[in-house]
Protein backbone atom coordinates (compact mmCIF):
# COMPACT_ATOMS: atom_id res chain seq x y z
CA UNK A 1 29.47 236.62 172.87
CA UNK A 2 28.07 239.53 174.90
CA UNK A 3 29.82 238.88 178.20
CA UNK A 4 31.09 242.13 179.66
CA UNK A 5 29.57 244.36 176.99
CA UNK A 6 27.57 247.35 178.17
CA UNK A 7 24.65 247.90 175.78
CA UNK A 8 22.56 251.05 175.55
CA UNK A 9 19.53 251.96 173.43
CA UNK A 10 18.71 255.36 171.98
CA UNK A 11 15.11 256.08 171.01
CA UNK A 12 14.14 259.48 169.55
CA UNK A 13 10.44 260.04 170.10
CA UNK A 14 7.81 262.67 169.42
CA UNK A 15 4.14 262.09 170.34
CA UNK A 16 4.48 258.31 170.58
CA UNK A 17 2.41 257.78 173.78
CA UNK A 18 0.56 254.75 172.32
CA UNK A 19 3.73 253.02 171.17
CA UNK A 20 6.72 254.02 173.28
CA UNK A 21 5.75 251.93 176.31
CA UNK A 22 5.53 248.81 174.15
CA UNK A 23 8.90 249.52 172.59
CA UNK A 24 10.62 250.03 175.95
CA UNK A 25 8.92 247.00 177.49
CA UNK A 26 9.93 244.75 174.59
CA UNK A 27 13.55 245.88 174.88
CA UNK A 28 13.62 245.42 178.64
CA UNK A 29 12.39 241.85 178.17
CA UNK A 30 15.39 240.86 176.06
CA UNK A 31 17.69 238.52 177.95
CA UNK A 32 21.37 237.81 177.65
CA UNK A 33 23.01 234.49 176.89
CA UNK A 34 22.32 233.15 180.38
CA UNK A 35 18.59 233.56 179.85
CA UNK A 36 18.29 235.53 183.08
CA UNK A 37 20.26 238.78 182.88
CA UNK A 38 18.65 241.63 180.91
CA UNK A 39 20.50 242.21 177.63
CA UNK A 40 20.05 245.98 177.67
CA UNK A 41 21.72 248.05 180.37
CA UNK A 42 20.27 251.48 179.56
CA UNK A 43 17.29 252.64 177.50
CA UNK A 44 17.48 256.37 176.74
CA UNK A 45 14.43 258.03 175.20
CA UNK A 46 14.84 261.55 173.87
CA UNK A 47 11.49 263.34 173.97
CA UNK A 48 11.61 265.59 170.92
CA UNK A 49 8.93 268.12 171.87
CA UNK A 50 6.00 265.80 172.52
CA UNK A 51 2.62 267.31 173.42
CA UNK A 52 1.16 264.04 174.66
CA UNK A 53 2.09 261.55 177.41
CA UNK A 54 5.16 260.09 175.67
CA UNK A 55 7.46 260.92 178.63
CA UNK A 56 5.17 259.37 181.24
CA UNK A 57 4.63 256.23 179.18
CA UNK A 58 8.35 255.74 178.58
CA UNK A 59 9.26 256.32 182.25
CA UNK A 60 6.51 253.99 183.40
CA UNK A 61 8.25 251.11 181.58
CA UNK A 62 11.67 251.96 183.01
CA UNK A 63 13.28 254.17 180.39
CA UNK A 64 15.41 257.18 181.18
CA UNK A 65 14.00 260.24 179.40
CA UNK A 66 15.83 263.38 178.29
CA UNK A 67 14.27 266.35 176.58
CA UNK A 68 15.16 268.14 173.35
CA UNK A 69 12.53 270.68 172.30
CA UNK A 70 14.25 271.55 169.00
CA UNK A 71 12.67 269.25 166.39
CA UNK A 72 14.93 266.92 164.41
CA UNK A 73 15.78 263.23 164.34
CA UNK A 74 19.50 263.86 164.42
CA UNK A 75 19.50 266.32 167.25
CA UNK A 76 17.29 264.02 169.30
CA UNK A 77 19.84 261.19 168.85
CA UNK A 78 22.71 263.53 169.67
CA UNK A 79 21.00 264.73 172.81
CA UNK A 80 20.39 261.18 174.05
CA UNK A 81 23.98 260.18 173.29
CA UNK A 82 25.30 263.02 175.45
CA UNK A 83 23.41 261.61 178.42
CA UNK A 84 24.37 257.94 178.03
CA UNK A 85 26.52 256.28 180.69
CA UNK A 86 29.77 254.66 179.52
CA UNK A 87 28.78 252.00 176.98
CA UNK A 88 30.23 249.60 174.43
CA UNK A 89 27.39 249.06 171.98
CA UNK A 90 24.61 251.47 171.07
CA UNK A 91 21.35 250.34 169.51
CA UNK A 92 19.14 252.87 167.71
CA UNK A 93 15.45 252.13 167.24
CA UNK A 94 12.34 254.17 166.50
CA UNK A 95 9.66 254.71 169.14
CA UNK A 96 6.70 253.76 166.89
CA UNK A 97 6.74 249.96 167.49
CA UNK A 98 7.37 249.25 163.80
CA UNK A 99 10.32 246.97 164.57
CA UNK A 100 10.54 243.69 166.48
CA UNK A 101 12.74 244.04 169.56
CA UNK A 102 13.96 240.45 169.53
CA UNK A 103 15.60 241.06 166.16
CA UNK A 104 17.94 243.51 167.89
CA UNK A 105 19.96 240.53 169.18
CA UNK A 106 21.39 239.89 165.70
CA UNK A 107 22.48 243.52 165.33
CA UNK A 108 24.00 243.68 168.82
CA UNK A 109 25.67 240.29 168.34
CA UNK A 110 27.28 241.48 165.11
CA UNK A 111 28.96 244.35 166.93
CA UNK A 112 30.05 242.09 169.77
CA UNK A 113 31.66 239.80 167.19
CA UNK A 114 33.69 242.55 165.51
CA UNK A 115 31.44 244.53 163.16
CA UNK A 116 31.57 248.31 163.54
CA UNK A 117 28.04 249.00 162.23
CA UNK A 118 25.11 246.63 161.84
CA UNK A 119 22.08 247.82 159.86
CA UNK A 120 18.63 246.31 160.13
CA UNK A 121 17.51 246.09 156.50
CA UNK A 122 13.77 246.32 155.95
CA UNK A 123 14.41 245.57 152.30
CA UNK A 124 15.81 242.14 153.15
CA UNK A 125 13.09 241.38 155.71
CA UNK A 126 9.33 240.93 155.61
CA UNK A 127 7.15 244.02 155.44
CA UNK A 128 3.59 244.14 156.67
CA UNK A 129 1.32 245.72 154.06
CA UNK A 130 1.46 249.48 154.48
CA UNK A 131 4.47 249.38 156.80
CA UNK A 132 6.48 251.49 154.34
CA UNK A 133 4.97 254.13 152.10
CA UNK A 134 5.89 254.36 148.39
CA UNK A 135 8.02 257.50 149.02
CA UNK A 136 9.93 255.61 151.72
CA UNK A 137 10.55 252.62 149.47
CA UNK A 138 11.64 254.80 146.53
CA UNK A 139 13.81 257.04 148.71
CA UNK A 140 15.55 254.12 150.38
CA UNK A 141 16.18 252.46 147.04
CA UNK A 142 17.66 255.64 145.49
CA UNK A 143 19.82 256.52 148.49
CA UNK A 144 21.08 252.92 148.82
CA UNK A 145 21.93 252.88 145.12
CA UNK A 146 23.92 256.08 145.41
CA UNK A 147 25.88 254.75 148.40
CA UNK A 148 26.66 251.52 146.49
CA UNK A 149 27.86 253.45 143.44
CA UNK A 150 29.81 256.24 145.20
CA UNK A 151 31.37 254.20 148.04
CA UNK A 152 31.13 250.61 146.90
CA UNK A 153 29.26 249.44 150.00
CA UNK A 154 26.50 246.83 149.39
CA UNK A 155 23.75 248.84 151.16
CA UNK A 156 20.08 247.95 150.71
CA UNK A 157 18.44 250.18 153.29
CA UNK A 158 18.91 253.25 155.48
CA UNK A 159 16.97 251.56 158.24
CA UNK A 160 16.94 253.39 161.61
CA UNK A 161 17.07 250.03 163.43
CA UNK A 162 20.84 249.65 163.80
CA UNK A 163 23.67 249.01 166.24
CA UNK A 164 27.11 250.53 166.30
CA UNK A 165 30.30 250.14 168.28
CA UNK A 166 30.63 253.15 170.62
CA UNK A 167 34.23 253.72 169.60
CA UNK A 168 33.30 253.78 165.94
CA UNK A 169 30.48 256.19 166.60
CA UNK A 170 32.81 258.51 168.45
CA UNK A 171 35.32 258.41 165.60
CA UNK A 172 32.89 259.34 162.83
CA UNK A 173 31.75 262.41 164.79
CA UNK A 174 28.08 262.61 163.82
CA UNK A 175 26.83 266.12 162.99
CA UNK A 176 23.48 265.97 161.19
CA UNK A 177 20.54 267.23 163.23
CA UNK A 178 17.70 266.34 160.86
CA UNK A 179 16.82 263.57 158.45
CA UNK A 180 20.36 262.94 157.19
CA UNK A 181 21.42 261.20 160.42
CA UNK A 182 21.18 257.59 159.23
CA UNK A 183 22.83 258.16 155.86
CA UNK A 184 25.63 260.19 157.47
CA UNK A 185 26.42 257.29 159.75
CA UNK A 186 26.53 254.78 156.89
CA UNK A 187 28.57 256.95 154.54
CA UNK A 188 31.11 257.97 157.18
CA UNK A 189 31.47 254.33 158.26
CA UNK A 190 32.24 253.48 154.63
CA UNK A 191 34.70 256.38 154.36
CA UNK A 192 36.59 255.09 157.42
CA UNK A 193 36.66 251.59 156.03
CA UNK A 194 34.65 250.21 158.90
CA UNK A 195 33.13 246.72 158.83
CA UNK A 196 29.45 247.21 157.91
CA UNK A 197 26.96 244.38 157.99
CA UNK A 198 23.28 244.15 157.15
CA UNK A 199 20.68 241.90 158.72
CA UNK A 200 17.11 241.31 157.63
CA UNK A 201 14.55 242.83 159.98
CA UNK A 202 10.80 242.63 159.69
CA UNK A 203 8.62 245.73 159.70
CA UNK A 204 5.04 246.19 160.83
CA UNK A 205 2.74 249.16 160.46
CA UNK A 206 3.71 251.82 162.93
CA UNK A 207 1.42 252.91 165.72
CA UNK A 208 0.20 256.46 165.11
CA UNK A 209 0.95 258.85 162.25
CA UNK A 210 4.51 259.26 160.98
CA UNK A 211 6.01 262.73 161.27
CA UNK A 212 8.02 262.01 158.13
CA UNK A 213 6.19 259.75 155.70
CA UNK A 214 2.79 260.69 157.04
CA UNK A 215 2.84 264.15 155.40
CA UNK A 216 3.95 265.55 152.07
CA UNK A 217 6.14 268.14 153.76
CA UNK A 218 7.74 265.44 155.94
CA UNK A 219 8.43 263.19 152.96
CA UNK A 220 9.95 266.06 150.99
CA UNK A 221 12.07 267.18 153.97
CA UNK A 222 13.37 263.66 154.53
CA UNK A 223 14.24 263.18 150.86
CA UNK A 224 15.97 266.56 150.69
CA UNK A 225 17.89 265.88 153.89
CA UNK A 226 19.03 262.40 152.91
CA UNK A 227 20.00 263.13 149.29
CA UNK A 228 21.54 266.42 150.28
CA UNK A 229 23.65 264.75 152.93
CA UNK A 230 24.93 262.20 150.41
CA UNK A 231 25.95 264.96 148.03
CA UNK A 232 27.64 267.01 150.76
CA UNK A 233 29.61 264.04 152.09
CA UNK A 234 30.67 263.06 148.55
CA UNK A 235 31.72 266.61 147.77
CA UNK A 236 33.68 266.93 151.02
CA UNK A 237 35.50 263.70 150.22
CA UNK A 238 36.35 264.91 146.71
CA UNK A 239 37.70 268.22 148.01
CA UNK A 240 39.77 266.50 150.70
CA UNK A 241 41.13 264.04 148.14
CA UNK A 242 42.21 266.84 145.77
CA UNK A 243 43.90 268.74 148.61
CA UNK A 244 45.75 265.59 149.61
CA UNK A 245 46.85 264.96 146.03
CA UNK A 246 48.06 268.53 145.55
CA UNK A 247 50.19 268.42 148.71
CA UNK A 248 51.88 265.19 147.63
CA UNK A 249 52.90 266.20 144.13
């Protein structure tokens, strides 16, 4: 299933010194079908302006670290992607140890078997008490509902634990530099008619304080970024559709 596939991981991280080493170690311990060869070829951590020992902890476990001092989830992912070696499948995961690395195999396997985008759905999986805050749960539910209504894709979560075919990622030309990254990827995949699949993933309480859900400003910024991105992508699609219709009258 995974023979010959080159698999890379992108991990945006800011002040995750207590968690990032565990995340990298768990990913490095994943084995391929032969039970011997490591499943992951490259683990790229983008240090997004950390003031702690995140870089040292990631490198100590074998990750390659790049730096992006400008804050933003999207720009951290974009920076890491620019530094990746040639790859076939890209796995995205947070650096807070809230996800279980072994559940990445289902996401990666889905891409190897023909899916373009595989989302790890926290909604479908088990959630440790306190793993997701009420604003996160509400925001995910609302954003997923809007995507289902506007694009007809059966989405249940905007989970950051996801895998995508590198060719598909290149085609959708990701642009968002902040909190709209995940929803941009899902909406554009739907607009291109890509094969999108969801898999249940379990979630535990993150290590450390969240930069998004841990503060009121972070929660507001995330909600604004996500819902704003949905509106912008919908509006752009409407405008493009009208221009196409007018040129074919």
